[in-house]
Amino acid sequence: MQLNVSESELARRRANWQPPAPRYTKGVLAKYAFLVSSSSLGAVTDLDLFNN
């Protein structure tokens, strides 16, 4: 993949980036989003089960 953006522009964008607000702030989906691991780790809610 080729990105036609200068390194200084990328650095500026990274410095100004802020994560988006959570889509769900209450209810079951908010609880799940708060508790779940990343998809690269399996999107599970209890990583301790897999670390043993």
PDB file of N, CA and C in Angstrom:
ATOM      1  N   MET A   1       0.843  -1.153   0.000  1.00  0.00           N
ATOM      2  CA  MET A   1       0.000   0.000   0.000  1.00  0.00           C
ATOM      3  C   MET A   1       0.896   1.225   0.000  1.00  0.00           C
ATOM      4  N   GLN A   2       0.534   2.196  -0.783  1.00  0.00           N
ATOM      5  CA  GLN A   2       1.297   3.433  -0.853  1.00  0.00           C
ATOM      6  C   GLN A   2       0.441   4.562  -0.322  1.00  0.00           C
ATOM      7  N   LEU A   3       0.988   5.333   0.605  1.00  0.00           N
ATOM      8  CA  LEU A   3       0.280   6.445   1.206  1.00  0.00           C
ATOM      9  C   LEU A   3       0.950   7.731   0.762  1.00  0.00           C
ATOM     10  N   ASN A   4       0.253   8.534   0.018  1.00  0.00           N
ATOM     11  CA  ASN A   4       0.816   9.766  -0.523  1.00  0.00           C
ATOM     12  C   ASN A   4       0.593  10.938   0.431  1.00  0.00           C
ATOM     13  N   VAL A   5       1.059  10.762   1.660  1.00  0.00           N
ATOM     14  CA  VAL A   5       0.972  11.800   2.682  1.00  0.00           C
ATOM     15  C   VAL A   5       2.339  11.888   3.340  1.00  0.00           C
ATOM     16  N   SER A   6       2.815  13.100   3.546  1.00  0.00           N
ATOM     17  CA  SER A   6       4.153  13.273   4.117  1.00  0.00           C
ATOM     18  C   SER A   6       4.187  12.818   5.573  1.00  0.00           C
ATOM     19  N   GLU A   7       5.390  12.493   6.036  1.00  0.00           N
ATOM     20  CA  GLU A   7       5.565  12.069   7.426  1.00  0.00           C
ATOM     21  C   GLU A   7       5.158  13.178   8.397  1.00  0.00           C
ATOM     22  N   SER A   8       5.441  14.422   8.043  1.00  0.00           N
ATOM     23  CA  SER A   8       5.061  15.522   8.939  1.00  0.00           C
ATOM     24  C   SER A   8       3.539  15.647   9.035  1.00  0.00           C
ATOM     25  N   GLU A   9       2.843  15.416   7.943  1.00  0.00           N
ATOM     26  CA  GLU A   9       1.377  15.453   7.961  1.00  0.00           C
ATOM     27  C   GLU A   9       0.831  14.299   8.794  1.00  0.00           C
ATOM     28  N   LEU A  10       1.418  13.121   8.674  1.00  0.00           N
ATOM     29  CA  LEU A  10       0.986  11.985   9.488  1.00  0.00           C
ATOM     30  C   LEU A  10       1.221  12.265  10.972  1.00  0.00           C
ATOM     31  N   ALA A  11       2.352  12.856  11.302  1.00  0.00           N
ATOM     32  CA  ALA A  11       2.656  13.186  12.693  1.00  0.00           C
ATOM     33  C   ALA A  11       1.651  14.204  13.230  1.00  0.00           C
ATOM     34  N   ARG A  12       1.301  15.180  12.417  1.00  0.00           N
ATOM     35  CA  ARG A  12       0.314  16.184  12.829  1.00  0.00           C
ATOM     36  C   ARG A  12      -1.037  15.531  13.077  1.00  0.00           C
ATOM     37  N   ARG A  13      -1.446  14.633  12.188  1.00  0.00           N
ATOM     38  CA  ARG A  13      -2.732  13.944  12.340  1.00  0.00           C
ATOM     39  C   ARG A  13      -2.748  13.060  13.585  1.00  0.00           C
ATOM     40  N   ARG A  14      -1.637  12.351  13.825  1.00  0.00           N
ATOM     41  CA  ARG A  14      -1.566  11.493  15.012  1.00  0.00           C
ATOM     42  C   ARG A  14      -1.654  12.324  16.289  1.00  0.00           C
ATOM     43  N   ALA A  15      -0.988  13.478  16.297  1.00  0.00           N
ATOM     44  CA  ALA A  15      -0.991  14.340  17.482  1.00  0.00           C
ATOM     45  C   ALA A  15      -2.389  14.892  17.758  1.00  0.00           C
ATOM     46  N   ASN A  16      -3.174  15.126  16.736  1.00  0.00           N
ATOM     47  CA  ASN A  16      -4.503  15.706  16.897  1.00  0.00           C
ATOM     48  C   ASN A  16      -5.616  14.673  17.047  1.00  0.00           C
ATOM     49  N   TRP A  17      -5.296  13.394  16.841  1.00  0.00           N
ATOM     50  CA  TRP A  17      -6.327  12.360  16.875  1.00  0.00           C
ATOM     51  C   TRP A  17      -6.798  12.105  18.294  1.00  0.00           C
ATOM     52  N   GLN A  18      -8.105  11.960  18.436  1.00  0.00           N
ATOM     53  CA  GLN A  18      -8.692  11.563  19.707  1.00  0.00           C
ATOM     54  C   GLN A  18      -9.655  10.421  19.429  1.00  0.00           C
ATOM     55  N   PRO A  19      -9.693   9.431  20.310  1.00  0.00           N
ATOM     56  CA  PRO A  19     -10.598   8.307  20.073  1.00  0.00           C
ATOM     57  C   PRO A  19     -12.050   8.781  20.082  1.00  0.00           C
ATOM     58  N   PRO A  20     -12.881   8.159  19.269  1.00  0.00           N
ATOM     59  CA  PRO A  20     -14.295   8.566  19.246  1.00  0.00           C
ATOM     60  C   PRO A  20     -14.977   8.202  20.563  1.00  0.00           C
ATOM     61  N   ALA A  21     -16.032   8.920  20.854  1.00  0.00           N
ATOM     62  CA  ALA A  21     -16.818   8.633  22.060  1.00  0.00           C
ATOM     63  C   ALA A  21     -17.475   7.264  21.916  1.00  0.00           C
ATOM     64  N   PRO A  22     -17.668   6.573  23.021  1.00  0.00           N
ATOM     65  CA  PRO A  22     -18.331   5.270  22.939  1.00  0.00           C
ATOM     66  C   PRO A  22     -19.726   5.404  22.330  1.00  0.00           C
ATOM     67  N   ARG A  23     -20.064   4.460  21.496  1.00  0.00           N
ATOM     68  CA  ARG A  23     -21.367   4.479  20.846  1.00  0.00           C
ATOM     69  C   ARG A  23     -22.481   4.184  21.836  1.00  0.00           C
ATOM     70  N   TYR A  24     -22.169   3.315  22.806  1.00  0.00           N
ATOM     71  CA  TYR A  24     -23.158   2.935  23.817  1.00  0.00           C
ATOM     72  C   TYR A  24     -22.616   3.313  25.185  1.00  0.00           C
ATOM     73  N   THR A  25     -23.391   4.015  25.982  1.00  0.00           N
ATOM     74  CA  THR A  25     -22.924   4.462  27.285  1.00  0.00           C
ATOM     75  C   THR A  25     -23.653   3.777  28.438  1.00  0.00           C
ATOM     76  N   LYS A  26     -24.723   3.059  28.148  1.00  0.00           N
ATOM     77  CA  LYS A  26     -25.416   2.309  29.196  1.00  0.00           C
ATOM     78  C   LYS A  26     -26.104   1.105  28.582  1.00  0.00           C
ATOM     79  N   GLY A  27     -26.416   0.158  29.420  1.00  0.00           N
ATOM     80  CA  GLY A  27     -27.068  -1.055  28.952  1.00  0.00           C
ATOM     81  C   GLY A  27     -26.083  -2.175  28.682  1.00  0.00           C
ATOM     82  N   VAL A  28     -26.605  -3.248  28.140  1.00  0.00           N
ATOM     83  CA  VAL A  28     -25.825  -4.462  27.925  1.00  0.00           C
ATOM     84  C   VAL A  28     -24.681  -4.233  26.939  1.00  0.00           C
ATOM     85  N   LEU A  29     -24.928  -3.508  25.866  1.00  0.00           N
ATOM     86  CA  LEU A  29     -23.851  -3.288  24.891  1.00  0.00           C
ATOM     87  C   LEU A  29     -22.725  -2.441  25.467  1.00  0.00           C
ATOM     88  N   ALA A  30     -23.038  -1.487  26.308  1.00  0.00           N
ATOM     89  CA  ALA A  30     -21.996  -0.685  26.952  1.00  0.00           C
ATOM     90  C   ALA A  30     -21.169  -1.555  27.894  1.00  0.00           C
ATOM     91  N   LYS A  31     -21.832  -2.418  28.638  1.00  0.00           N
ATOM     92  CA  LYS A  31     -21.129  -3.316  29.551  1.00  0.00           C
ATOM     93  C   LYS A  31     -20.209  -4.246  28.775  1.00  0.00           C
ATOM     94  N   TYR A  32     -20.700  -4.805  27.690  1.00  0.00           N
ATOM     95  CA  TYR A  32     -19.893  -5.694  26.856  1.00  0.00           C
ATOM     96  C   TYR A  32     -18.685  -4.943  26.292  1.00  0.00           C
ATOM     97  N   ALA A  33     -18.904  -3.750  25.753  1.00  0.00           N
ATOM     98  CA  ALA A  33     -17.810  -2.974  25.162  1.00  0.00           C
ATOM     99  C   ALA A  33     -16.747  -2.641  26.197  1.00  0.00           C
ATOM    100  N   PHE A  34     -17.154  -2.419  27.434  1.00  0.00           N
ATOM    101  CA  PHE A  34     -16.218  -2.097  28.496  1.00  0.00           C
ATOM    102  C   PHE A  34     -15.411  -3.321  28.924  1.00  0.00           C
ATOM    103  N   LEU A  35     -16.036  -4.485  28.941  1.00  0.00           N
ATOM    104  CA  LEU A  35     -15.411  -5.685  29.488  1.00  0.00           C
ATOM    105  C   LEU A  35     -14.641  -6.535  28.487  1.00  0.00           C
ATOM    106  N   VAL A  36     -14.963  -6.448  27.226  1.00  0.00           N
ATOM    107  CA  VAL A  36     -14.408  -7.363  26.240  1.00  0.00           C
ATOM    108  C   VAL A  36     -12.972  -6.986  25.860  1.00  0.00           C
ATOM    109  N   SER A  37     -12.167  -7.986  25.560  1.00  0.00           N
ATOM    110  CA  SER A  37     -10.808  -7.732  25.086  1.00  0.00           C
ATOM    111  C   SER A  37     -10.856  -7.387  23.591  1.00  0.00           C
ATOM    112  N   SER A  38      -9.720  -7.064  23.030  1.00  0.00           N
ATOM    113  CA  SER A  38      -9.685  -6.723  21.612  1.00  0.00           C
ATOM    114  C   SER A  38      -9.952  -7.959  20.755  1.00  0.00           C
ATOM    115  N   SER A  39     -10.317  -7.729  19.526  1.00  0.00           N
ATOM    116  CA  SER A  39     -10.612  -8.864  18.635  1.00  0.00           C
ATOM    117  C   SER A  39      -9.365  -9.689  18.350  1.00  0.00           C
ATOM    118  N   SER A  40      -8.191  -9.071  18.414  1.00  0.00           N
ATOM    119  CA  SER A  40      -6.959  -9.828  18.177  1.00  0.00           C
ATOM    120  C   SER A  40      -6.688 -10.834  19.300  1.00  0.00           C
ATOM    121  N   LEU A  41      -7.339 -10.629  20.453  1.00  0.00           N
ATOM    122  CA  LEU A  41      -7.203 -11.562  21.572  1.00  0.00           C
ATOM    123  C   LEU A  41      -8.417 -12.466  21.709  1.00  0.00           C
ATOM    124  N   GLY A  42      -9.341 -12.387  20.786  1.00  0.00           N
ATOM    125  CA  GLY A  42     -10.496 -13.273  20.790  1.00  0.00           C
ATOM    126  C   GLY A  42     -11.794 -12.634  21.227  1.00  0.00           C
ATOM    127  N   ALA A  43     -11.764 -11.345  21.582  1.00  0.00           N
ATOM    128  CA  ALA A  43     -12.966 -10.623  22.014  1.00  0.00           C
ATOM    129  C   ALA A  43     -13.699 -11.368  23.120  1.00  0.00           C
ATOM    130  N   VAL A  44     -12.939 -11.836  24.100  1.00  0.00           N
ATOM    131  CA  VAL A  44     -13.527 -12.555  25.223  1.00  0.00           C
ATOM    132  C   VAL A  44     -13.600 -11.634  26.439  1.00  0.00           C
ATOM    133  N   THR A  45     -14.460 -11.971  27.390  1.00  0.00           N
ATOM    134  CA  THR A  45     -14.604 -11.142  28.580  1.00  0.00           C
ATOM    135  C   THR A  45     -13.769 -11.633  29.752  1.00  0.00           C
ATOM    136  N   ASP A  46     -13.158 -12.784  29.637  1.00  0.00           N
ATOM    137  CA  ASP A  46     -12.353 -13.324  30.730  1.00  0.00           C
ATOM    138  C   ASP A  46     -11.061 -13.922  30.174  1.00  0.00           C
ATOM    139  N   LEU A  47     -10.029 -13.100  30.072  1.00  0.00           N
ATOM    140  CA  LEU A  47      -8.745 -13.570  29.541  1.00  0.00           C
ATOM    141  C   LEU A  47      -8.056 -14.541  30.481  1.00  0.00           C
ATOM    142  N   ASP A  48      -8.406 -14.519  31.775  1.00  0.00           N
ATOM    143  CA  ASP A  48      -7.779 -15.423  32.735  1.00  0.00           C
ATOM    144  C   ASP A  48      -8.025 -16.879  32.381  1.00  0.00           C
ATOM    145  N   LEU A  49      -9.105 -17.178  31.700  1.00  0.00           N
ATOM    146  CA  LEU A  49      -9.392 -18.545  31.309  1.00  0.00           C
ATOM    147  C   LEU A  49      -8.355 -19.088  30.334  1.00  0.00           C
ATOM    148  N   PHE A  50      -7.745 -18.191  29.573  1.00  0.00           N
ATOM    149  CA  PHE A  50      -6.814 -18.603  28.523  1.00  0.00           C
ATOM    150  C   PHE A  50      -5.357 -18.466  28.921  1.00  0.00           C
ATOM    151  N   ASN A  51      -5.086 -17.804  30.041  1.00  0.00           N
ATOM    152  CA  ASN A  51      -3.707 -17.578  30.480  1.00  0.00           C
ATOM    153  C   ASN A  51      -3.167 -18.713  31.343  1.00  0.00           C
ATOM    154  N   ASN A  52      -3.982 -19.671  31.677  1.00  0.00           N
ATOM    155  CA  ASN A  52      -3.525 -20.775  32.537  1.00  0.00           C
ATOM    156  C   ASN A  52      -3.069 -21.950  31.747  1.00  0.00           C
TER     157      ASN A  52
END
